[in-house]
Amino acid sequence: MTSRTLGVKVEEETWQTLELLGRWRAAPRAEMASRLLQEGARQARLEYAAELYRQQEVTLERAAEVAAVSIYDMMAYLRQQGISRPSHIEEMRADVAAMLIRSGRSDIAERLVQS
């Protein structure tokens, strides 16, 4: 994975939190900031994808791609958040077919799409 440097100003409370967590994890402040930023970015991406799905702008499969998670993880997150939407049978078939293809069962996926 490629890295880039980001210079940011943080409030004193955040600085102290990074110090505290760094001591707890025996890691430098910069490493703790990087870890927390990565976790926050992953969470924000998941929330963004869930909102796109809720607004019916993307399919379940596409929401999972946007969030960079598996369809199963996306389904679990949506369920946790109480996000559901009535799906059209074609969309459901496409999502299930995508899951089957990813799991190496393209033969079943092909039959599902043709039915």
C-alpha atoms as a PDB file:
ATOM      1  CA  MET A   1       0.000   0.000   0.000  1.00  0.00           C
ATOM      2  CA  THR A   2       1.291   3.436  -0.894  1.00  0.00           C
ATOM      3  CA  SER A   3       1.537   6.059   1.836  1.00  0.00           C
ATOM      4  CA  ARG A   4       1.443   9.814   1.758  1.00  0.00           C
ATOM      5  CA  THR A   5       2.306  12.358   4.383  1.00  0.00           C
ATOM      6  CA  LEU A   6      -0.427  14.557   5.767  1.00  0.00           C
ATOM      7  CA  GLY A   7       0.287  17.488   8.049  1.00  0.00           C
ATOM      8  CA  VAL A   8      -2.664  18.380  10.261  1.00  0.00           C
ATOM      9  CA  LYS A   9      -3.252  20.548  13.284  1.00  0.00           C
ATOM     10  CA  VAL A  10      -5.073  18.878  16.157  1.00  0.00           C
ATOM     11  CA  GLU A  11      -6.700  20.212  19.282  1.00  0.00           C
ATOM     12  CA  GLU A  12      -4.905  19.754  22.592  1.00  0.00           C
ATOM     13  CA  GLU A  13      -7.399  17.105  23.704  1.00  0.00           C
ATOM     14  CA  THR A  14      -6.702  15.060  20.565  1.00  0.00           C
ATOM     15  CA  TRP A  15      -2.959  15.451  21.125  1.00  0.00           C
ATOM     16  CA  GLN A  16      -3.323  14.166  24.684  1.00  0.00           C
ATOM     17  CA  THR A  17      -5.453  11.264  23.470  1.00  0.00           C
ATOM     18  CA  LEU A  18      -2.756  10.314  20.947  1.00  0.00           C
ATOM     19  CA  GLU A  19      -0.168  10.458  23.732  1.00  0.00           C
ATOM     20  CA  LEU A  20      -2.296   8.269  25.989  1.00  0.00           C
ATOM     21  CA  LEU A  21      -3.060   5.694  23.297  1.00  0.00           C
ATOM     22  CA  GLY A  22       0.563   5.706  22.177  1.00  0.00           C
ATOM     23  CA  ARG A  23       1.715   4.808  25.681  1.00  0.00           C
ATOM     24  CA  TRP A  24      -0.976   2.129  25.923  1.00  0.00           C
ATOM     25  CA  ARG A  25      -0.034   0.576  22.562  1.00  0.00           C
ATOM     26  CA  ALA A  26       3.690   1.345  22.880  1.00  0.00           C
ATOM     27  CA  ALA A  27       3.516   3.237  19.589  1.00  0.00           C
ATOM     28  CA  PRO A  28       4.597   6.716  18.538  1.00  0.00           C
ATOM     29  CA  ARG A  29       1.988   9.457  18.371  1.00  0.00           C
ATOM     30  CA  ALA A  30       2.248   9.636  14.577  1.00  0.00           C
ATOM     31  CA  GLU A  31       1.557   5.913  14.265  1.00  0.00           C
ATOM     32  CA  MET A  32      -1.484   6.210  16.528  1.00  0.00           C
ATOM     33  CA  ALA A  33      -2.768   9.151  14.480  1.00  0.00           C
ATOM     34  CA  SER A  34      -2.315   7.145  11.295  1.00  0.00           C
ATOM     35  CA  ARG A  35      -4.137   4.108  12.725  1.00  0.00           C
ATOM     36  CA  LEU A  36      -7.041   6.185  13.973  1.00  0.00           C
ATOM     37  CA  LEU A  37      -7.295   8.051  10.691  1.00  0.00           C
ATOM     38  CA  GLN A  38      -7.387   4.760   8.777  1.00  0.00           C
ATOM     39  CA  GLU A  39     -10.095   3.364  11.055  1.00  0.00           C
ATOM     40  CA  GLY A  40     -12.118   6.559  10.772  1.00  0.00           C
ATOM     41  CA  ALA A  41     -11.764   6.611   6.992  1.00  0.00           C
ATOM     42  CA  ARG A  42     -12.932   2.979   6.758  1.00  0.00           C
ATOM     43  CA  GLN A  43     -15.930   3.742   8.939  1.00  0.00           C
ATOM     44  CA  ALA A  44     -16.810   6.879   6.972  1.00  0.00           C
ATOM     45  CA  ARG A  45     -16.575   4.935   3.719  1.00  0.00           C
ATOM     46  CA  LEU A  46     -18.921   2.300   5.104  1.00  0.00           C
ATOM     47  CA  GLU A  47     -21.409   4.958   6.232  1.00  0.00           C
ATOM     48  CA  TYR A  48     -21.224   6.663   2.834  1.00  0.00           C
ATOM     49  CA  ALA A  49     -21.882   3.399   0.994  1.00  0.00           C
ATOM     50  CA  ALA A  50     -24.789   2.585   3.313  1.00  0.00           C
ATOM     51  CA  GLU A  51     -26.337   5.969   2.627  1.00  0.00           C
ATOM     52  CA  LEU A  52     -25.995   5.480  -1.125  1.00  0.00           C
ATOM     53  CA  TYR A  53     -27.712   2.115  -0.744  1.00  0.00           C
ATOM     54  CA  ARG A  54     -30.473   3.558   1.463  1.00  0.00           C
ATOM     55  CA  GLN A  55     -31.158   6.245  -1.138  1.00  0.00           C
ATOM     56  CA  GLN A  56     -31.303   3.532  -3.822  1.00  0.00           C
ATOM     57  CA  GLU A  57     -28.399   5.060  -5.735  1.00  0.00           C
ATOM     58  CA  VAL A  58     -26.412   1.807  -5.733  1.00  0.00           C
ATOM     59  CA  THR A  59     -27.051  -1.919  -5.499  1.00  0.00           C
ATOM     60  CA  LEU A  60     -25.909  -3.964  -2.529  1.00  0.00           C
ATOM     61  CA  GLU A  61     -22.960  -5.225  -4.544  1.00  0.00           C
ATOM     62  CA  ARG A  62     -21.889  -1.709  -5.528  1.00  0.00           C
ATOM     63  CA  ALA A  63     -22.317  -0.467  -1.938  1.00  0.00           C
ATOM     64  CA  ALA A  64     -19.966  -3.223  -0.787  1.00  0.00           C
ATOM     65  CA  GLU A  65     -17.454  -2.215  -3.464  1.00  0.00           C
ATOM     66  CA  VAL A  66     -17.642   1.454  -2.431  1.00  0.00           C
ATOM     67  CA  ALA A  67     -17.138   0.474   1.208  1.00  0.00           C
ATOM     68  CA  ALA A  68     -14.329  -1.943   0.261  1.00  0.00           C
ATOM     69  CA  VAL A  69     -15.975  -4.776   2.218  1.00  0.00           C
ATOM     70  CA  SER A  70     -17.555  -8.087   1.300  1.00  0.00           C
ATOM     71  CA  ILE A  71     -21.227  -8.217   0.434  1.00  0.00           C
ATOM     72  CA  TYR A  72     -21.758 -10.221   3.614  1.00  0.00           C
ATOM     73  CA  ASP A  73     -20.119  -7.516   5.729  1.00  0.00           C
ATOM     74  CA  MET A  74     -22.161  -4.845   3.958  1.00  0.00           C
ATOM     75  CA  MET A  75     -25.361  -6.777   4.621  1.00  0.00           C
ATOM     76  CA  ALA A  76     -24.440  -7.125   8.301  1.00  0.00           C
ATOM     77  CA  TYR A  77     -23.674  -3.409   8.594  1.00  0.00           C
ATOM     78  CA  LEU A  78     -26.932  -2.428   6.901  1.00  0.00           C
ATOM     79  CA  ARG A  79     -28.835  -4.742   9.228  1.00  0.00           C
ATOM     80  CA  GLN A  80     -27.041  -3.247  12.271  1.00  0.00           C
ATOM     81  CA  GLN A  81     -27.995   0.234  11.126  1.00  0.00           C
ATOM     82  CA  GLY A  82     -31.596  -0.778  10.473  1.00  0.00           C
ATOM     83  CA  ILE A  83     -31.239   0.073   6.791  1.00  0.00           C
ATOM     84  CA  SER A  84     -33.384  -1.950   4.491  1.00  0.00           C
ATOM     85  CA  ARG A  85     -35.088  -1.205   1.290  1.00  0.00           C
ATOM     86  CA  PRO A  86     -37.463  -3.135  -0.843  1.00  0.00           C
ATOM     87  CA  SER A  87     -35.459  -4.722  -3.614  1.00  0.00           C
ATOM     88  CA  HIS A  88     -36.504  -5.634  -7.074  1.00  0.00           C
ATOM     89  CA  ILE A  89     -36.067  -9.287  -7.893  1.00  0.00           C
ATOM     90  CA  GLU A  90     -33.591  -8.409 -10.666  1.00  0.00           C
ATOM     91  CA  GLU A  91     -31.372  -6.499  -8.245  1.00  0.00           C
ATOM     92  CA  MET A  92     -31.492  -9.353  -5.764  1.00  0.00           C
ATOM     93  CA  ARG A  93     -30.567 -11.842  -8.468  1.00  0.00           C
ATOM     94  CA  ALA A  94     -27.645  -9.667  -9.568  1.00  0.00           C
ATOM     95  CA  ASP A  95     -26.362  -9.352  -6.006  1.00  0.00           C
ATOM     96  CA  VAL A  96     -26.649 -13.079  -5.321  1.00  0.00           C
ATOM     97  CA  ALA A  97     -25.005 -13.864  -8.668  1.00  0.00           C
ATOM     98  CA  ALA A  98     -22.109 -11.549  -7.771  1.00  0.00           C
ATOM     99  CA  MET A  99     -21.661 -13.346  -4.441  1.00  0.00           C
ATOM    100  CA  LEU A 100     -21.691 -16.722  -6.208  1.00  0.00           C
ATOM    101  CA  ILE A 101     -19.113 -15.581  -8.765  1.00  0.00           C
ATOM    102  CA  ARG A 102     -16.821 -14.301  -6.010  1.00  0.00           C
ATOM    103  CA  SER A 103     -17.080 -17.632  -4.225  1.00  0.00           C
ATOM    104  CA  GLY A 104     -16.133 -19.511  -7.383  1.00  0.00           C
ATOM    105  CA  ARG A 105     -19.623 -20.710  -8.287  1.00  0.00           C
ATOM    106  CA  SER A 106     -20.071 -18.946 -11.611  1.00  0.00           C
ATOM    107  CA  ASP A 107     -21.947 -21.980 -12.947  1.00  0.00           C
ATOM    108  CA  ILE A 108     -24.752 -21.452 -10.444  1.00  0.00           C
ATOM    109  CA  ALA A 109     -24.626 -17.685 -10.962  1.00  0.00           C
ATOM    110  CA  GLU A 110     -25.109 -18.129 -14.687  1.00  0.00           C
ATOM    111  CA  ARG A 111     -28.180 -20.314 -14.135  1.00  0.00           C
ATOM    112  CA  LEU A 112     -29.599 -17.810 -11.652  1.00  0.00           C
ATOM    113  CA  VAL A 113     -29.270 -14.903 -14.071  1.00  0.00           C
ATOM    114  CA  GLN A 114     -30.829 -16.913 -16.891  1.00  0.00           C
ATOM    115  CA  SER A 115     -33.878 -17.922 -14.853  1.00  0.00           C
END
